[in-house]
Amino acid sequence: LDEIFRERRPDSIKKIREAVVEGAMKRVRPALMTSATTILALLPVLTSKGRGADLMLPMAIPSFGGMIFALINIQLVPVLYCIKEEVRLRLRKKA
């Protein structure tokens, strides 16, 4: 996102939102693929009841939670960045 903002230097809220959407679209596919493959790989470990499951489950739960958190961040970070840039723009226009 920072790279897009340095290149474009948006001067309106509409342009800020367009830049944030473009930046988020570049990052969403790799982040989703990483999270999806990790979550799918952990499902057998999380559902296993056999030998060794008692050792693997405590390691799989935090990894699974981290990937769920990463999925939330994919949506949350662009929104927070957009809010920050909009506030910064309003402050510049007031000064």
C-alpha atoms as a PDB file:
ATOM      1  CA  LEU A   1       0.000   0.000   0.000  1.00  0.00           C
ATOM      2  CA  ASP A   2       2.788   2.416   0.840  1.00  0.00           C
ATOM      3  CA  GLU A   3       4.276   1.950  -2.628  1.00  0.00           C
ATOM      4  CA  ILE A   4       0.986   2.757  -4.345  1.00  0.00           C
ATOM      5  CA  PHE A   5       0.514   5.836  -2.154  1.00  0.00           C
ATOM      6  CA  ARG A   6       4.039   7.055  -2.940  1.00  0.00           C
ATOM      7  CA  GLU A   7       3.428   6.661  -6.679  1.00  0.00           C
ATOM      8  CA  ARG A   8      -0.059   8.191  -6.845  1.00  0.00           C
ATOM      9  CA  ARG A   9      -0.178  10.675  -3.957  1.00  0.00           C
ATOM     10  CA  PRO A  10      -3.996  10.569  -3.750  1.00  0.00           C
ATOM     11  CA  ASP A  11      -5.605  13.918  -3.023  1.00  0.00           C
ATOM     12  CA  SER A  12      -9.218  12.881  -2.448  1.00  0.00           C
ATOM     13  CA  ILE A  13     -11.044  10.273  -0.418  1.00  0.00           C
ATOM     14  CA  LYS A  14     -12.188   8.524  -3.578  1.00  0.00           C
ATOM     15  CA  LYS A  15      -8.609   8.215  -4.824  1.00  0.00           C
ATOM     16  CA  ILE A  16      -7.443   6.981  -1.413  1.00  0.00           C
ATOM     17  CA  ARG A  17     -10.069   4.250  -1.442  1.00  0.00           C
ATOM     18  CA  GLU A  18      -9.174   3.247  -4.998  1.00  0.00           C
ATOM     19  CA  ALA A  19      -5.495   2.993  -4.047  1.00  0.00           C
ATOM     20  CA  VAL A  20      -6.291   0.913  -0.956  1.00  0.00           C
ATOM     21  CA  VAL A  21      -8.494  -1.469  -2.945  1.00  0.00           C
ATOM     22  CA  GLU A  22      -5.792  -1.890  -5.586  1.00  0.00           C
ATOM     23  CA  GLY A  23      -3.133  -2.572  -2.966  1.00  0.00           C
ATOM     24  CA  ALA A  24      -5.360  -5.006  -1.099  1.00  0.00           C
ATOM     25  CA  MET A  25      -6.175  -6.884  -4.296  1.00  0.00           C
ATOM     26  CA  LYS A  26      -2.472  -7.473  -4.925  1.00  0.00           C
ATOM     27  CA  ARG A  27      -2.024  -9.029  -1.473  1.00  0.00           C
ATOM     28  CA  VAL A  28      -5.258 -10.954  -1.037  1.00  0.00           C
ATOM     29  CA  ARG A  29      -4.507 -13.922  -3.330  1.00  0.00           C
ATOM     30  CA  PRO A  30      -1.106 -14.852  -1.865  1.00  0.00           C
ATOM     31  CA  ALA A  31      -2.406 -14.433   1.683  1.00  0.00           C
ATOM     32  CA  LEU A  32      -5.503 -16.521   0.994  1.00  0.00           C
ATOM     33  CA  MET A  33      -3.496 -19.276  -0.676  1.00  0.00           C
ATOM     34  CA  THR A  34      -1.052 -19.465   2.228  1.00  0.00           C
ATOM     35  CA  SER A  35      -3.813 -19.526   4.829  1.00  0.00           C
ATOM     36  CA  ALA A  36      -5.979 -21.985   2.923  1.00  0.00           C
ATOM     37  CA  THR A  37      -3.205 -24.519   2.359  1.00  0.00           C
ATOM     38  CA  THR A  38      -2.078 -24.342   5.980  1.00  0.00           C
ATOM     39  CA  ILE A  39      -5.622 -24.704   7.320  1.00  0.00           C
ATOM     40  CA  LEU A  40      -6.327 -27.641   4.997  1.00  0.00           C
ATOM     41  CA  ALA A  41      -3.060 -29.309   6.003  1.00  0.00           C
ATOM     42  CA  LEU A  42      -3.907 -28.936   9.699  1.00  0.00           C
ATOM     43  CA  LEU A  43      -7.417 -30.376   9.480  1.00  0.00           C
ATOM     44  CA  PRO A  44      -6.285 -34.034   9.639  1.00  0.00           C
ATOM     45  CA  VAL A  45      -4.072 -33.237  12.629  1.00  0.00           C
ATOM     46  CA  LEU A  46      -6.888 -31.406  14.413  1.00  0.00           C
ATOM     47  CA  THR A  47      -9.369 -34.234  13.858  1.00  0.00           C
ATOM     48  CA  SER A  48      -7.053 -37.173  14.545  1.00  0.00           C
ATOM     49  CA  LYS A  49      -7.667 -39.422  17.518  1.00  0.00           C
ATOM     50  CA  GLY A  50      -4.971 -42.023  16.907  1.00  0.00           C
ATOM     51  CA  ARG A  51      -1.488 -42.599  18.181  1.00  0.00           C
ATOM     52  CA  GLY A  52       0.550 -39.415  18.533  1.00  0.00           C
ATOM     53  CA  ALA A  53      -2.478 -37.114  18.345  1.00  0.00           C
ATOM     54  CA  ASP A  54      -1.929 -36.013  21.932  1.00  0.00           C
ATOM     55  CA  LEU A  55       1.467 -34.605  20.906  1.00  0.00           C
ATOM     56  CA  MET A  56       0.447 -33.021  17.609  1.00  0.00           C
ATOM     57  CA  LEU A  57      -2.782 -31.353  18.678  1.00  0.00           C
ATOM     58  CA  PRO A  58      -1.175 -28.776  21.028  1.00  0.00           C
ATOM     59  CA  MET A  59       1.083 -27.671  18.161  1.00  0.00           C
ATOM     60  CA  ALA A  60      -1.679 -27.589  15.545  1.00  0.00           C
ATOM     61  CA  ILE A  61      -4.177 -25.471  17.504  1.00  0.00           C
ATOM     62  CA  PRO A  62      -2.042 -22.279  17.655  1.00  0.00           C
ATOM     63  CA  SER A  63      -1.094 -22.660  13.982  1.00  0.00           C
ATOM     64  CA  PHE A  64      -4.742 -23.031  13.017  1.00  0.00           C
ATOM     65  CA  GLY A  65      -5.678 -20.002  15.137  1.00  0.00           C
ATOM     66  CA  GLY A  66      -2.878 -17.979  13.561  1.00  0.00           C
ATOM     67  CA  MET A  67      -4.166 -18.726  10.077  1.00  0.00           C
ATOM     68  CA  ILE A  68      -7.700 -17.744  11.070  1.00  0.00           C
ATOM     69  CA  PHE A  69      -6.251 -14.507  12.466  1.00  0.00           C
ATOM     70  CA  ALA A  70      -4.408 -13.976   9.153  1.00  0.00           C
ATOM     71  CA  LEU A  71      -7.718 -14.281   7.279  1.00  0.00           C
ATOM     72  CA  ILE A  72      -9.210 -11.604   9.517  1.00  0.00           C
ATOM     73  CA  ASN A  73      -6.181  -9.373   8.926  1.00  0.00           C
ATOM     74  CA  ILE A  74      -6.616  -9.600   5.161  1.00  0.00           C
ATOM     75  CA  GLN A  75      -9.821  -7.618   5.596  1.00  0.00           C
ATOM     76  CA  LEU A  76      -8.942  -5.492   8.598  1.00  0.00           C
ATOM     77  CA  VAL A  77      -5.586  -3.994   7.578  1.00  0.00           C
ATOM     78  CA  PRO A  78      -6.790  -2.268   4.365  1.00  0.00           C
ATOM     79  CA  VAL A  79      -9.754  -0.761   6.225  1.00  0.00           C
ATOM     80  CA  LEU A  80      -7.537   0.612   8.988  1.00  0.00           C
ATOM     81  CA  TYR A  81      -5.024   1.923   6.445  1.00  0.00           C
ATOM     82  CA  CYS A  82      -7.815   3.670   4.537  1.00  0.00           C
ATOM     83  CA  ILE A  83      -9.104   5.288   7.726  1.00  0.00           C
ATOM     84  CA  LYS A  84      -5.599   6.479   8.619  1.00  0.00           C
ATOM     85  CA  GLU A  85      -5.022   8.013   5.186  1.00  0.00           C
ATOM     86  CA  GLU A  86      -8.448   9.683   5.128  1.00  0.00           C
ATOM     87  CA  VAL A  87      -7.804  11.262   8.529  1.00  0.00           C
ATOM     88  CA  ARG A  88      -4.363  12.404   7.360  1.00  0.00           C
ATOM     89  CA  LEU A  89      -5.917  13.964   4.233  1.00  0.00           C
ATOM     90  CA  ARG A  90      -8.571  15.812   6.277  1.00  0.00           C
ATOM     91  CA  LEU A  91      -5.914  17.177   8.621  1.00  0.00           C
ATOM     92  CA  ARG A  92      -3.804  18.391   5.669  1.00  0.00           C
ATOM     93  CA  LYS A  93      -6.800  20.139   4.111  1.00  0.00           C
ATOM     94  CA  LYS A  94      -7.647  21.909   7.377  1.00  0.00           C
ATOM     95  CA  ALA A  95      -4.112  23.251   7.808  1.00  0.00           C
END
